[in-house]
């Protein structure tokens, strides 16, 4: 997935805009997402070589993903540590 960083302004007729909005709503996506899908469908996406290189770069990253439960536990620990500091310093109730 590419980072979205380029902006494009186009003029549409009211009917075109209404059709885009209606189709986007029915698919549950944004109008921008629908336009990007249409562009990819009409012009094609990245070549298999480009996709393979992107996949390899992604696999090479050493990123740790946390589950929502792990994130909650980290936040709970941080809140408890902060509370203990406030109590220790006489600022907690």
PDB file of N, CA and C in Angstrom:
ATOM      1  N   UNK A   1       0.854  -1.175   0.000  1.00  0.00           N
ATOM      2  CA  UNK A   1       0.000   0.000   0.000  1.00  0.00           C
ATOM      3  C   UNK A   1       0.894   1.230   0.000  1.00  0.00           C
ATOM      4  N   UNK A   2       0.576   2.133  -0.882  1.00  0.00           N
ATOM      5  CA  UNK A   2       1.364   3.351  -0.989  1.00  0.00           C
ATOM      6  C   UNK A   2       0.832   4.399  -0.024  1.00  0.00           C
ATOM      7  N   UNK A   3       1.744   5.229   0.462  1.00  0.00           N
ATOM      8  CA  UNK A   3       1.315   6.350   1.282  1.00  0.00           C
ATOM      9  C   UNK A   3       0.666   7.368   0.356  1.00  0.00           C
ATOM     10  N   UNK A   4      -0.472   7.852   0.745  1.00  0.00           N
ATOM     11  CA  UNK A   4      -1.173   8.830  -0.067  1.00  0.00           C
ATOM     12  C   UNK A   4      -0.595  10.208   0.232  1.00  0.00           C
ATOM     13  N   UNK A   5       0.000  10.821  -0.794  1.00  0.00           N
ATOM     14  CA  UNK A   5       0.630  12.112  -0.561  1.00  0.00           C
ATOM     15  C   UNK A   5       0.368  13.109  -1.686  1.00  0.00           C
ATOM     16  N   UNK A   6      -0.259  12.670  -2.750  1.00  0.00           N
ATOM     17  CA  UNK A   6      -0.500  13.557  -3.884  1.00  0.00           C
ATOM     18  C   UNK A   6      -1.972  13.941  -3.935  1.00  0.00           C
ATOM     19  N   UNK A   7      -2.211  15.205  -4.172  1.00  0.00           N
ATOM     20  CA  UNK A   7      -3.580  15.714  -4.228  1.00  0.00           C
ATOM     21  C   UNK A   7      -3.901  16.056  -5.678  1.00  0.00           C
ATOM     22  N   UNK A   8      -5.141  15.769  -6.077  1.00  0.00           N
ATOM     23  CA  UNK A   8      -5.609  16.061  -7.423  1.00  0.00           C
ATOM     24  C   UNK A   8      -6.976  16.699  -7.324  1.00  0.00           C
ATOM     25  N   UNK A   9      -7.157  17.803  -8.009  1.00  0.00           N
ATOM     26  CA  UNK A   9      -8.459  18.464  -8.004  1.00  0.00           C
ATOM     27  C   UNK A   9      -9.070  18.307  -9.389  1.00  0.00           C
ATOM     28  N   UNK A  10     -10.322  17.840  -9.438  1.00  0.00           N
ATOM     29  CA  UNK A  10     -11.017  17.691 -10.707  1.00  0.00           C
ATOM     30  C   UNK A  10     -12.392  18.329 -10.597  1.00  0.00           C
ATOM     31  N   UNK A  11     -12.935  18.710 -11.740  1.00  0.00           N
ATOM     32  CA  UNK A  11     -14.284  19.262 -11.782  1.00  0.00           C
ATOM     33  C   UNK A  11     -15.225  18.196 -12.319  1.00  0.00           C
ATOM     34  N   UNK A  12     -16.365  18.037 -11.665  1.00  0.00           N
ATOM     35  CA  UNK A  12     -17.378  17.062 -12.053  1.00  0.00           C
ATOM     36  C   UNK A  12     -18.704  17.770 -12.237  1.00  0.00           C
ATOM     37  N   UNK A  13     -19.563  17.132 -12.983  1.00  0.00           N
ATOM     38  CA  UNK A  13     -20.938  17.638 -13.056  1.00  0.00           C
ATOM     39  C   UNK A  13     -21.631  17.227 -11.760  1.00  0.00           C
ATOM     40  N   UNK A  14     -22.704  17.909 -11.397  1.00  0.00           N
ATOM     41  CA  UNK A  14     -23.437  17.509 -10.188  1.00  0.00           C
ATOM     42  C   UNK A  14     -23.894  16.053 -10.255  1.00  0.00           C
ATOM     43  N   UNK A  15     -24.269  15.599 -11.442  1.00  0.00           N
ATOM     44  CA  UNK A  15     -24.721  14.216 -11.593  1.00  0.00           C
ATOM     45  C   UNK A  15     -23.574  13.228 -11.348  1.00  0.00           C
ATOM     46  N   UNK A  16     -22.390  13.536 -11.872  1.00  0.00           N
ATOM     47  CA  UNK A  16     -21.229  12.657 -11.653  1.00  0.00           C
ATOM     48  C   UNK A  16     -20.890  12.572 -10.172  1.00  0.00           C
ATOM     49  N   UNK A  17     -20.900  13.722  -9.519  1.00  0.00           N
ATOM     50  CA  UNK A  17     -20.589  13.744  -8.091  1.00  0.00           C
ATOM     51  C   UNK A  17     -21.617  12.935  -7.308  1.00  0.00           C
ATOM     52  N   UNK A  18     -22.877  13.098  -7.645  1.00  0.00           N
ATOM     53  CA  UNK A  18     -23.938  12.362  -6.956  1.00  0.00           C
ATOM     54  C   UNK A  18     -23.773  10.853  -7.181  1.00  0.00           C
ATOM     55  N   UNK A  19     -23.448  10.439  -8.402  1.00  0.00           N
ATOM     56  CA  UNK A  19     -23.253   9.011  -8.688  1.00  0.00           C
ATOM     57  C   UNK A  19     -22.062   8.459  -7.912  1.00  0.00           C
ATOM     58  N   UNK A  20     -20.977   9.226  -7.856  1.00  0.00           N
ATOM     59  CA  UNK A  20     -19.800   8.791  -7.083  1.00  0.00           C
ATOM     60  C   UNK A  20     -20.150   8.630  -5.609  1.00  0.00           C
ATOM     61  N   UNK A  21     -20.818   9.630  -5.045  1.00  0.00           N
ATOM     62  CA  UNK A  21     -21.178   9.579  -3.628  1.00  0.00           C
ATOM     63  C   UNK A  21     -22.111   8.413  -3.332  1.00  0.00           C
ATOM     64  N   UNK A  22     -23.064   8.187  -4.218  1.00  0.00           N
ATOM     65  CA  UNK A  22     -24.006   7.088  -4.021  1.00  0.00           C
ATOM     66  C   UNK A  22     -23.294   5.729  -4.071  1.00  0.00           C
ATOM     67  N   UNK A  23     -22.423   5.560  -5.050  1.00  0.00           N
ATOM     68  CA  UNK A  23     -21.687   4.287  -5.176  1.00  0.00           C
ATOM     69  C   UNK A  23     -20.750   4.090  -3.988  1.00  0.00           C
ATOM     70  N   UNK A  24     -20.069   5.148  -3.574  1.00  0.00           N
ATOM     71  CA  UNK A  24     -19.161   5.040  -2.424  1.00  0.00           C
ATOM     72  C   UNK A  24     -19.941   4.647  -1.173  1.00  0.00           C
ATOM     73  N   UNK A  25     -21.092   5.264  -0.965  1.00  0.00           N
ATOM     74  CA  UNK A  25     -21.936   4.923   0.190  1.00  0.00           C
ATOM     75  C   UNK A  25     -22.358   3.460   0.141  1.00  0.00           C
ATOM     76  N   UNK A  26     -22.781   3.005  -1.037  1.00  0.00           N
ATOM     77  CA  UNK A  26     -23.253   1.620  -1.146  1.00  0.00           C
ATOM     78  C   UNK A  26     -22.130   0.622  -0.892  1.00  0.00           C
ATOM     79  N   UNK A  27     -20.891   0.993  -1.199  1.00  0.00           N
ATOM     80  CA  UNK A  27     -19.744   0.106  -0.952  1.00  0.00           C
ATOM     81  C   UNK A  27     -19.144   0.292   0.443  1.00  0.00           C
ATOM     82  N   UNK A  28     -19.542   1.354   1.111  1.00  0.00           N
ATOM     83  CA  UNK A  28     -18.997   1.627   2.440  1.00  0.00           C
ATOM     84  C   UNK A  28     -17.571   2.154   2.402  1.00  0.00           C
ATOM     85  N   UNK A  29     -17.232   2.900   1.340  1.00  0.00           N
ATOM     86  CA  UNK A  29     -15.896   3.490   1.232  1.00  0.00           C
ATOM     87  C   UNK A  29     -16.035   4.977   0.939  1.00  0.00           C
ATOM     88  N   UNK A  30     -14.921   5.683   0.993  1.00  0.00           N
ATOM     89  CA  UNK A  30     -14.937   7.110   0.690  1.00  0.00           C
ATOM     90  C   UNK A  30     -14.985   7.328  -0.820  1.00  0.00           C
ATOM     91  N   UNK A  31     -15.371   8.536  -1.218  1.00  0.00           N
ATOM     92  CA  UNK A  31     -15.361   8.879  -2.636  1.00  0.00           C
ATOM     93  C   UNK A  31     -13.932   8.791  -3.165  1.00  0.00           C
ATOM     94  N   UNK A  32     -12.972   9.255  -2.365  1.00  0.00           N
ATOM     95  CA  UNK A  32     -11.576   9.158  -2.779  1.00  0.00           C
ATOM     96  C   UNK A  32     -11.144   7.722  -3.001  1.00  0.00           C
ATOM     97  N   UNK A  33     -11.568   6.824  -2.106  1.00  0.00           N
ATOM     98  CA  UNK A  33     -11.239   5.406  -2.268  1.00  0.00           C
ATOM     99  C   UNK A  33     -11.844   4.838  -3.530  1.00  0.00           C
ATOM    100  N   UNK A  34     -13.066   5.247  -3.833  1.00  0.00           N
ATOM    101  CA  UNK A  34     -13.723   4.787  -5.049  1.00  0.00           C
ATOM    102  C   UNK A  34     -12.979   5.288  -6.287  1.00  0.00           C
ATOM    103  N   UNK A  35     -12.565   6.541  -6.272  1.00  0.00           N
ATOM    104  CA  UNK A  35     -11.822   7.098  -7.401  1.00  0.00           C
ATOM    105  C   UNK A  35     -10.492   6.367  -7.566  1.00  0.00           C
ATOM    106  N   UNK A  36      -9.800   6.095  -6.449  1.00  0.00           N
ATOM    107  CA  UNK A  36      -8.523   5.358  -6.540  1.00  0.00           C
ATOM    108  C   UNK A  36      -8.743   3.967  -7.119  1.00  0.00           C
ATOM    109  N   UNK A  37      -9.829   3.284  -6.694  1.00  0.00           N
ATOM    110  CA  UNK A  37     -10.144   1.961  -7.257  1.00  0.00           C
ATOM    111  C   UNK A  37     -10.383   2.054  -8.756  1.00  0.00           C
ATOM    112  N   UNK A  38     -11.110   3.086  -9.176  1.00  0.00           N
ATOM    113  CA  UNK A  38     -11.395   3.251 -10.598  1.00  0.00           C
ATOM    114  C   UNK A  38     -10.115   3.485 -11.399  1.00  0.00           C
ATOM    115  N   UNK A  39      -9.218   4.278 -10.842  1.00  0.00           N
ATOM    116  CA  UNK A  39      -7.944   4.537 -11.520  1.00  0.00           C
ATOM    117  C   UNK A  39      -7.147   3.247 -11.655  1.00  0.00           C
ATOM    118  N   UNK A  40      -7.053   2.479 -10.577  1.00  0.00           N
ATOM    119  CA  UNK A  40      -6.324   1.210 -10.626  1.00  0.00           C
ATOM    120  C   UNK A  40      -6.961   0.257 -11.635  1.00  0.00           C
ATOM    121  N   UNK A  41      -8.304   0.231 -11.671  1.00  0.00           N
ATOM    122  CA  UNK A  41      -9.000  -0.643 -12.605  1.00  0.00           C
ATOM    123  C   UNK A  41      -8.765  -0.237 -14.053  1.00  0.00           C
ATOM    124  N   UNK A  42      -8.734   1.066 -14.295  1.00  0.00           N
ATOM    125  CA  UNK A  42      -8.575   1.559 -15.661  1.00  0.00           C
ATOM    126  C   UNK A  42      -7.130   1.524 -16.131  1.00  0.00           C
ATOM    127  N   UNK A  43      -6.207   1.819 -15.237  1.00  0.00           N
ATOM    128  CA  UNK A  43      -4.804   1.941 -15.638  1.00  0.00           C
ATOM    129  C   UNK A  43      -3.933   0.791 -15.169  1.00  0.00           C
ATOM    130  N   UNK A  44      -4.472  -0.054 -14.318  1.00  0.00           N
ATOM    131  CA  UNK A  44      -3.666  -1.156 -13.789  1.00  0.00           C
ATOM    132  C   UNK A  44      -2.859  -0.706 -12.586  1.00  0.00           C
ATOM    133  N   UNK A  45      -2.444  -1.676 -11.813  1.00  0.00           N
ATOM    134  CA  UNK A  45      -1.679  -1.379 -10.611  1.00  0.00           C
ATOM    135  C   UNK A  45      -0.194  -1.564 -10.846  1.00  0.00           C
ATOM    136  N   UNK A  46       0.555  -1.598  -9.759  1.00  0.00           N
ATOM    137  CA  UNK A  46       2.000  -1.786  -9.867  1.00  0.00           C
ATOM    138  C   UNK A  46       2.331  -3.134 -10.497  1.00  0.00           C
ATOM    139  N   UNK A  47       3.486  -3.201 -11.125  1.00  0.00           N
ATOM    140  CA  UNK A  47       3.929  -4.445 -11.767  1.00  0.00           C
ATOM    141  C   UNK A  47       4.205  -5.501 -10.701  1.00  0.00           C
ATOM    142  N   UNK A  48       4.208  -6.774 -11.090  1.00  0.00           N
ATOM    143  CA  UNK A  48       4.541  -7.838 -10.132  1.00  0.00           C
ATOM    144  C   UNK A  48       5.909  -7.628  -9.483  1.00  0.00           C
ATOM    145  N   UNK A  49       6.864  -7.093 -10.233  1.00  0.00           N
ATOM    146  CA  UNK A  49       8.203  -6.845  -9.674  1.00  0.00           C
ATOM    147  C   UNK A  49       8.153  -5.788  -8.580  1.00  0.00           C
ATOM    148  N   UNK A  50       7.391  -4.735  -8.820  1.00  0.00           N
ATOM    149  CA  UNK A  50       7.266  -3.669  -7.818  1.00  0.00           C
ATOM    150  C   UNK A  50       6.570  -4.214  -6.579  1.00  0.00           C
ATOM    151  N   UNK A  51       5.532  -5.014  -6.770  1.00  0.00           N
ATOM    152  CA  UNK A  51       4.826  -5.613  -5.630  1.00  0.00           C
ATOM    153  C   UNK A  51       5.747  -6.540  -4.845  1.00  0.00           C
ATOM    154  N   UNK A  52       6.559  -7.338  -5.544  1.00  0.00           N
ATOM    155  CA  UNK A  52       7.478  -8.268  -4.878  1.00  0.00           C
ATOM    156  C   UNK A  52       8.507  -7.514  -4.049  1.00  0.00           C
ATOM    157  N   UNK A  53       9.055  -6.421  -4.595  1.00  0.00           N
ATOM    158  CA  UNK A  53      10.033  -5.625  -3.842  1.00  0.00           C
ATOM    159  C   UNK A  53       9.388  -5.011  -2.605  1.00  0.00           C
ATOM    160  N   UNK A  54       8.167  -4.525  -2.744  1.00  0.00           N
ATOM    161  CA  UNK A  54       7.472  -3.939  -1.594  1.00  0.00           C
ATOM    162  C   UNK A  54       7.222  -4.993  -0.526  1.00  0.00           C
ATOM    163  N   UNK A  55       6.840  -6.189  -0.948  1.00  0.00           N
ATOM    164  CA  UNK A  55       6.615  -7.269   0.001  1.00  0.00           C
ATOM    165  C   UNK A  55       7.908  -7.627   0.736  1.00  0.00           C
ATOM    166  N   UNK A  56       9.008  -7.713   0.018  1.00  0.00           N
ATOM    167  CA  UNK A  56      10.297  -8.027   0.655  1.00  0.00           C
ATOM    168  C   UNK A  56      10.704  -6.938   1.643  1.00  0.00           C
ATOM    169  N   UNK A  57      10.500  -5.674   1.289  1.00  0.00           N
ATOM    170  CA  UNK A  57      10.831  -4.581   2.221  1.00  0.00           C
ATOM    171  C   UNK A  57       9.975  -4.683   3.478  1.00  0.00           C
ATOM    172  N   UNK A  58       8.712  -5.026   3.304  1.00  0.00           N
ATOM    173  CA  UNK A  58       7.817  -5.169   4.455  1.00  0.00           C
ATOM    174  C   UNK A  58       8.265  -6.319   5.339  1.00  0.00           C
ATOM    175  N   UNK A  59       8.605  -7.451   4.729  1.00  0.00           N
ATOM    176  CA  UNK A  59       9.058  -8.613   5.505  1.00  0.00           C
ATOM    177  C   UNK A  59      10.372  -8.348   6.227  1.00  0.00           C
ATOM    178  N   UNK A  60      11.212  -7.492   5.664  1.00  0.00           N
ATOM    179  CA  UNK A  60      12.523  -7.217   6.259  1.00  0.00           C
ATOM    180  C   UNK A  60      12.420  -6.346   7.508  1.00  0.00           C
ATOM    181  N   UNK A  61      11.318  -5.660   7.672  1.00  0.00           N
ATOM    182  CA  UNK A  61      11.152  -4.799   8.840  1.00  0.00           C
ATOM    183  C   UNK A  61      10.966  -5.651  10.090  1.00  0.00           C
ATOM    184  N   UNK A  62      11.562  -5.213  11.144  1.00  0.00           N
ATOM    185  CA  UNK A  62      11.407  -5.890  12.439  1.00  0.00           C
ATOM    186  C   UNK A  62      10.472  -5.058  13.290  1.00  0.00           C
ATOM    187  N   UNK A  63       9.194  -5.254  13.092  1.00  0.00           N
ATOM    188  CA  UNK A  63       8.182  -4.485  13.810  1.00  0.00           C
ATOM    189  C   UNK A  63       7.418  -5.432  14.717  1.00  0.00           C
ATOM    190  N   UNK A  64       7.263  -5.024  15.950  1.00  0.00           N
ATOM    191  CA  UNK A  64       6.486  -5.821  16.900  1.00  0.00           C
ATOM    192  C   UNK A  64       5.063  -5.283  16.925  1.00  0.00           C
ATOM    193  N   UNK A  65       4.124  -6.172  16.764  1.00  0.00           N
ATOM    194  CA  UNK A  65       2.731  -5.788  16.840  1.00  0.00           C
ATOM    195  C   UNK A  65       2.163  -6.277  18.160  1.00  0.00           C
ATOM    196  N   UNK A  66       1.423  -5.413  18.815  1.00  0.00           N
ATOM    197  CA  UNK A  66       0.823  -5.756  20.097  1.00  0.00           C
ATOM    198  C   UNK A  66      -0.663  -5.992  19.919  1.00  0.00           C
ATOM    199  N   UNK A  67      -1.180  -6.916  20.690  1.00  0.00           N
ATOM    200  CA  UNK A  67      -2.621  -7.151  20.678  1.00  0.00           C
ATOM    201  C   UNK A  67      -3.293  -6.042  21.484  1.00  0.00           C
ATOM    202  N   UNK A  68      -4.579  -5.841  21.286  1.00  0.00           N
ATOM    203  CA  UNK A  68      -5.285  -4.844  22.109  1.00  0.00           C
ATOM    204  C   UNK A  68      -5.158  -5.134  23.604  1.00  0.00           C
ATOM    205  N   UNK A  69      -5.147  -6.415  23.971  1.00  0.00           N
ATOM    206  CA  UNK A  69      -5.008  -6.773  25.384  1.00  0.00           C
ATOM    207  C   UNK A  69      -3.630  -6.371  25.911  1.00  0.00           C
ATOM    208  N   UNK A  70      -2.588  -6.556  25.103  1.00  0.00           N
ATOM    209  CA  UNK A  70      -1.247  -6.156  25.533  1.00  0.00           C
ATOM    210  C   UNK A  70      -1.157  -4.641  25.688  1.00  0.00           C
ATOM    211  N   UNK A  71      -1.769  -3.914  24.779  1.00  0.00           N
ATOM    212  CA  UNK A  71      -1.770  -2.448  24.872  1.00  0.00           C
ATOM    213  C   UNK A  71      -2.505  -2.003  26.132  1.00  0.00           C
ATOM    214  N   UNK A  72      -3.664  -2.624  26.409  1.00  0.00           N
ATOM    215  CA  UNK A  72      -4.411  -2.291  27.626  1.00  0.00           C
ATOM    216  C   UNK A  72      -3.572  -2.547  28.875  1.00  0.00           C
ATOM    217  N   UNK A  73      -2.851  -3.670  28.893  1.00  0.00           N
ATOM    218  CA  UNK A  73      -2.021  -3.999  30.056  1.00  0.00           C
ATOM    219  C   UNK A  73      -0.911  -2.965  30.241  1.00  0.00           C
ATOM    220  N   UNK A  74      -0.292  -2.540  29.153  1.00  0.00           N
ATOM    221  CA  UNK A  74       0.768  -1.522  29.237  1.00  0.00           C
ATOM    222  C   UNK A  74       0.188  -0.219  29.777  1.00  0.00           C
ATOM    223  N   UNK A  75      -0.974   0.182  29.266  1.00  0.00           N
ATOM    224  CA  UNK A  75      -1.596   1.420  29.741  1.00  0.00           C
ATOM    225  C   UNK A  75      -1.997   1.319  31.204  1.00  0.00           C
ATOM    226  N   UNK A  76      -2.531   0.155  31.602  1.00  0.00           N
ATOM    227  CA  UNK A  76      -2.896  -0.044  33.008  1.00  0.00           C
ATOM    228  C   UNK A  76      -1.671   0.062  33.903  1.00  0.00           C
ATOM    229  N   UNK A  77      -0.561  -0.554  33.490  1.00  0.00           N
ATOM    230  CA  UNK A  77       0.678  -0.471  34.267  1.00  0.00           C
ATOM    231  C   UNK A  77       1.142   0.980  34.398  1.00  0.00           C
ATOM    232  N   UNK A  78       1.074   1.725  33.297  1.00  0.00           N
ATOM    233  CA  UNK A  78       1.513   3.122  33.333  1.00  0.00           C
ATOM    234  C   UNK A  78       0.620   3.943  34.259  1.00  0.00           C
ATOM    235  N   UNK A  79      -0.706   3.708  34.204  1.00  0.00           N
ATOM    236  CA  UNK A  79      -1.629   4.434  35.092  1.00  0.00           C
ATOM    237  C   UNK A  79      -1.347   4.090  36.547  1.00  0.00           C
ATOM    238  N   UNK A  80      -1.106   2.795  36.840  1.00  0.00           N
ATOM    239  CA  UNK A  80      -0.826   2.376  38.212  1.00  0.00           C
ATOM    240  C   UNK A  80       0.474   2.994  38.717  1.00  0.00           C
ATOM    241  N   UNK A  81       1.500   3.021  37.878  1.00  0.00           N
ATOM    242  CA  UNK A  81       2.772   3.627  38.285  1.00  0.00           C
ATOM    243  C   UNK A  81       2.591   5.112  38.572  1.00  0.00           C
ATOM    244  N   UNK A  82       1.832   5.804  37.724  1.00  0.00           N
ATOM    245  CA  UNK A  82       1.594   7.235  37.938  1.00  0.00           C
ATOM    246  C   UNK A  82       0.826   7.455  39.236  1.00  0.00           C
ATOM    247  N   UNK A  83      -0.200   6.636  39.469  1.00  0.00           N
ATOM    248  CA  UNK A  83      -0.999   6.753  40.691  1.00  0.00           C
ATOM    249  C   UNK A  83      -0.126   6.509  41.916  1.00  0.00           C
ATOM    250  N   UNK A  84       0.723   5.497  41.856  1.00  0.00           N
ATOM    251  CA  UNK A  84       1.607   5.197  42.993  1.00  0.00           C
ATOM    252  C   UNK A  84       2.555   6.360  43.256  1.00  0.00           C
ATOM    253  N   UNK A  85       3.051   7.006  42.214  1.00  0.00           N
ATOM    254  CA  UNK A  85       3.931   8.172  42.399  1.00  0.00           C
ATOM    255  C   UNK A  85       3.177   9.316  43.055  1.00  0.00           C
ATOM    256  N   UNK A  86       1.919   9.547  42.610  1.00  0.00           N
ATOM    257  CA  UNK A  86       1.136  10.625  43.209  1.00  0.00           C
ATOM    258  C   UNK A  86       0.866  10.358  44.678  1.00  0.00           C
ATOM    259  N   UNK A  87       0.548   9.116  45.036  1.00  0.00           N
ATOM    260  CA  UNK A  87       0.299   8.765  46.428  1.00  0.00           C
ATOM    261  C   UNK A  87       1.569   8.933  47.223  1.00  0.00           C
ATOM    262  N   UNK A  88       2.682   8.462  46.677  1.00  0.00           N
ATOM    263  CA  UNK A  88       3.974   8.556  47.351  1.00  0.00           C
ATOM    264  C   UNK A  88       4.336  10.018  47.614  1.00  0.00           C
ATOM    265  N   UNK A  89       4.018  10.900  46.651  1.00  0.00           N
ATOM    266  CA  UNK A  89       4.350  12.320  46.779  1.00  0.00           C
ATOM    267  C   UNK A  89       3.304  13.098  47.560  1.00  0.00           C
ATOM    268  N   UNK A  90       2.264  12.398  48.060  1.00  0.00           N
ATOM    269  CA  UNK A  90       1.235  13.060  48.844  1.00  0.00           C
ATOM    270  C   UNK A  90       0.222  13.832  48.036  1.00  0.00           C
ATOM    271  N   UNK A  91       0.167  13.589  46.710  1.00  0.00           N
ATOM    272  CA  UNK A  91      -0.775  14.314  45.858  1.00  0.00           C
ATOM    273  C   UNK A  91      -1.975  13.456  45.482  1.00  0.00           C
ATOM    274  N   UNK A  92      -1.979  12.179  45.839  1.00  0.00           N
ATOM    275  CA  UNK A  92      -3.109  11.296  45.526  1.00  0.00           C
ATOM    276  C   UNK A  92      -4.144  11.346  46.631  1.00  0.00           C
ATOM    277  N   UNK A  93      -5.323  10.979  46.303  1.00  0.00           N
ATOM    278  CA  UNK A  93      -6.416  10.996  47.295  1.00  0.00           C
ATOM    279  C   UNK A  93      -6.515   9.645  47.960  1.00  0.00           C
TER     280      UNK A  93
END
